[in-house]
Amino acid sequence: MHRNTATHHLFTYGTLQEKEVQLGVFSRLLGGYDDTLHGHRISDIKVAGLYPTLEPTHNPQDIIHGKVYVLTDDELKKADFYEGDAYERIEVGLLSGKKAWVYLAR
């Protein structure tokens, strides 16, 4: 049986960078790399009053430094479940030229 082994790049800027969260969500530590997202900034509004989110500004001067992790299909579904209904996943272009998913508040 052929197993789907597609990989996804996920740009993170918050709790998904924490080792305890990674172990809880993915049952492994993720080996990520640094990258930068332009045209976004950290919003003043926090999800549930606690968790950071990004907002698009379309200003190339606004940048977010974060980590990119490579996930399997199953792990991306686990990330969606972890982020829940408060966030939506969109695809963005990063400074490195790679495309990655990122979570924004709904």
Protein backbone atom coordinates (compact mmCIF):
# COMPACT_ATOMS: atom_id res chain seq x y z
CA MET A 1 0.00 0.00 0.00
CA HIS A 2 1.39 3.38 -1.01
CA ARG A 3 1.62 5.81 1.89
CA ASN A 4 1.18 9.50 1.18
CA THR A 5 4.45 11.13 2.18
CA ALA A 6 3.92 14.66 0.91
CA THR A 7 5.76 17.27 2.92
CA HIS A 8 4.60 20.72 3.91
CA HIS A 9 6.55 23.74 5.12
CA LEU A 10 5.00 25.48 8.13
CA PHE A 11 6.16 28.97 9.16
CA THR A 12 5.83 29.44 12.92
CA TYR A 13 6.14 32.48 15.16
CA GLY A 14 4.64 31.36 18.50
CA THR A 15 3.86 28.32 20.59
CA LEU A 16 4.68 25.76 17.87
CA GLN A 17 8.35 26.68 18.43
CA GLU A 18 8.16 25.41 22.04
CA LYS A 19 9.65 21.94 22.62
CA GLU A 20 6.83 20.88 24.98
CA VAL A 21 4.20 21.86 22.41
CA GLN A 22 6.02 20.03 19.61
CA LEU A 23 6.24 16.85 21.68
CA GLY A 24 2.58 17.14 22.64
CA VAL A 25 1.32 17.80 19.11
CA PHE A 26 3.72 15.80 16.93
CA SER A 27 5.30 13.34 19.40
CA ARG A 28 8.72 14.53 18.21
CA LEU A 29 10.93 17.60 18.21
CA LEU A 30 10.91 19.41 14.88
CA GLY A 31 14.21 20.41 13.31
CA GLY A 32 13.38 23.77 11.82
CA TYR A 33 15.27 26.53 10.07
CA ASP A 34 15.06 30.31 10.30
CA ASP A 35 13.16 32.26 7.66
CA THR A 36 11.38 35.60 7.33
CA LEU A 37 7.86 36.58 6.32
CA HIS A 38 7.41 40.04 4.77
CA GLY A 39 4.23 42.11 4.66
CA HIS A 40 2.92 40.95 8.06
CA ARG A 41 3.27 42.02 11.67
CA ILE A 42 2.35 40.60 15.06
CA SER A 43 -1.16 41.81 15.83
CA ASP A 44 -2.02 43.71 19.01
CA ILE A 45 -5.05 41.43 19.32
CA LYS A 46 -4.27 38.04 20.85
CA VAL A 47 -6.35 34.91 20.29
CA ALA A 48 -8.15 34.07 23.57
CA GLY A 49 -6.25 37.02 25.04
CA LEU A 50 -3.06 34.92 25.15
CA TYR A 51 -1.77 33.72 21.81
CA PRO A 52 -0.06 35.86 19.20
CA THR A 53 -1.35 36.11 15.66
CA LEU A 54 -0.20 37.81 12.50
CA GLU A 55 -1.97 40.40 10.44
CA PRO A 56 -1.21 41.17 6.81
CA THR A 57 -0.03 44.73 6.24
CA HIS A 58 1.11 44.41 2.60
CA ASN A 59 4.03 46.64 3.62
CA PRO A 60 7.33 44.93 2.71
CA GLN A 61 8.99 46.81 5.58
CA ASP A 62 6.91 44.76 8.07
CA ILE A 63 8.70 41.48 8.74
CA ILE A 64 8.31 38.50 11.05
CA HIS A 65 11.29 36.30 11.90
CA GLY A 66 10.23 32.73 12.52
CA LYS A 67 11.03 29.06 12.15
CA VAL A 68 9.98 26.79 9.33
CA TYR A 69 9.29 23.12 10.02
CA VAL A 70 8.82 20.37 7.47
CA LEU A 71 5.72 18.31 8.27
CA THR A 72 4.02 15.26 6.80
CA ASP A 73 0.34 15.31 5.79
CA ASP A 74 -0.58 13.71 9.14
CA GLU A 75 1.48 16.24 11.09
CA LEU A 76 -0.11 19.15 9.23
CA LYS A 77 -3.54 17.79 10.24
CA LYS A 78 -2.30 17.61 13.86
CA ALA A 79 -1.16 21.24 13.63
CA ASP A 80 -4.60 22.22 12.27
CA PHE A 81 -6.24 20.45 15.22
CA TYR A 82 -3.87 22.13 17.68
CA GLU A 83 -4.53 25.60 16.26
CA GLY A 84 -8.28 24.96 16.24
CA ASP A 85 -11.10 27.10 14.88
CA ALA A 86 -9.55 30.36 16.06
CA TYR A 87 -6.92 30.21 13.32
CA GLU A 88 -6.96 29.67 9.57
CA ARG A 89 -4.04 28.29 7.56
CA ILE A 90 -2.92 30.22 4.48
CA GLU A 91 0.00 29.81 2.10
CA VAL A 92 2.63 32.56 2.00
CA GLY A 93 5.93 33.22 0.25
CA LEU A 94 9.00 33.55 2.47
CA LEU A 95 12.22 35.53 2.06
CA SER A 96 14.04 32.27 1.18
CA GLY A 97 11.75 31.89 -1.83
CA LYS A 98 9.99 28.89 -0.29
CA LYS A 99 6.21 28.64 0.02
CA ALA A 100 4.93 27.78 3.48
CA TRP A 101 1.73 27.53 5.46
CA VAL A 102 1.13 30.00 8.29
CA TYR A 103 -1.72 30.37 10.78
CA LEU A 104 -3.59 33.67 11.09
CA ALA A 105 -6.47 34.47 13.41
CA ARG A 106 -9.86 34.07 11.74
